[in-house]
Amino acid sequence: MIRESEHAESKADFKHKLAIAQKETNETIYWLELLKDSEYLTSAQFDSINEDAIEIIKIITTIIKSIKLNTTN
C-alpha cells in the first residue's frame, strides 16, 4: 500500500492508502508474534523483523499526522 500511495489520486487518497498500510503493518506484527510464540521464528529472528515493522509503523504514523496537520479535510 505504501508503493500504491505514491500514485494516489489526491491527498485524501494518499492518506487513506497510508492508513491501510499502517493497519497491514500492525497485522503483520500480530502474525510475527504468533510465529514467535509457535517457535517458528527464533527470538532473534522475531526481534529483528519486529523492530523493522515497528519503525515502519512509526514512519507511516508520522506521515499521516503530518498530512492531517497540513490539510483542511
Protein backbone atom coordinates (compact mmCIF):
# COMPACT_ATOMS: atom_id res chain seq x y z
CA MET A 1 0.00 0.00 0.00
CA ILE A 2 2.91 2.35 0.57
CA ARG A 3 4.01 1.86 -3.03
CA GLU A 4 0.44 2.35 -4.18
CA SER A 5 0.19 5.60 -2.20
CA GLU A 6 2.98 7.03 -4.37
CA HIS A 7 0.44 7.21 -7.19
CA ALA A 8 -2.53 8.41 -5.16
CA GLU A 9 -5.10 10.49 -6.97
CA SER A 10 -5.40 13.06 -4.18
CA LYS A 11 -4.10 13.91 -0.73
CA ALA A 12 -7.12 12.16 0.77
CA ASP A 13 -6.38 9.05 -1.30
CA PHE A 14 -2.71 9.22 -0.25
CA LYS A 15 -3.70 9.43 3.42
CA HIS A 16 -6.20 6.60 3.03
CA LYS A 17 -3.65 4.28 1.41
CA LEU A 18 -1.12 5.04 4.15
CA ALA A 19 -3.75 4.32 6.81
CA ILE A 20 -4.33 0.92 5.21
CA ALA A 21 -0.57 0.31 5.15
CA GLN A 22 -0.46 1.19 8.86
CA LYS A 23 -3.17 -1.36 9.62
CA GLU A 24 -1.49 -4.01 7.48
CA THR A 25 1.82 -3.47 9.26
CA ASN A 26 0.07 -3.82 12.59
CA GLU A 27 -1.45 -7.09 11.41
CA THR A 28 1.99 -8.26 10.27
CA ILE A 29 3.29 -7.67 13.79
CA TYR A 30 0.44 -9.80 15.13
CA TRP A 31 1.41 -12.66 12.80
CA LEU A 32 5.06 -12.29 13.72
CA GLU A 33 4.11 -12.65 17.38
CA LEU A 34 2.20 -15.85 16.57
CA LEU A 35 5.17 -17.20 14.63
CA LYS A 36 7.44 -16.48 17.56
CA ASP A 37 5.02 -17.99 20.08
CA SER A 38 4.75 -21.14 17.96
CA GLU A 39 8.56 -21.26 17.81
CA TYR A 40 8.57 -20.99 14.03
CA LEU A 41 10.77 -17.89 14.46
CA THR A 42 13.58 -17.67 16.94
CA SER A 43 13.60 -14.75 19.36
CA ALA A 44 16.48 -13.22 17.41
CA GLN A 45 14.61 -13.50 14.11
CA PHE A 46 11.45 -12.09 15.66
CA ASP A 47 13.29 -9.19 17.29
CA SER A 48 14.97 -8.20 14.05
CA ILE A 49 11.84 -8.28 11.92
CA ASN A 50 9.63 -6.81 14.64
CA GLU A 51 11.96 -3.85 15.15
CA ASP A 52 11.76 -3.11 11.42
CA ALA A 53 7.97 -3.38 11.45
CA ILE A 54 7.71 -1.02 14.43
CA GLU A 55 9.93 1.51 12.67
CA ILE A 56 7.71 1.29 9.59
CA ILE A 57 4.60 1.95 11.67
CA LYS A 58 6.29 4.95 13.31
CA ILE A 59 7.22 6.40 9.93
CA ILE A 60 3.75 5.87 8.48
CA THR A 61 2.11 7.34 11.59
CA THR A 62 4.33 10.42 11.40
CA ILE A 63 3.45 10.94 7.74
CA ILE A 64 -0.27 10.56 8.44
CA LYS A 65 -0.09 13.05 11.34
CA SER A 66 1.78 15.50 9.14
CA ILE A 67 -0.82 15.19 6.40
CA LYS A 68 -3.63 15.80 8.91
CA LEU A 69 -1.89 18.92 10.21
CA ASN A 70 -1.27 20.28 6.72
CA THR A 71 -4.71 19.69 5.21
CA THR A 72 -8.14 21.03 5.95
CA ASN A 73 -10.02 17.79 5.05
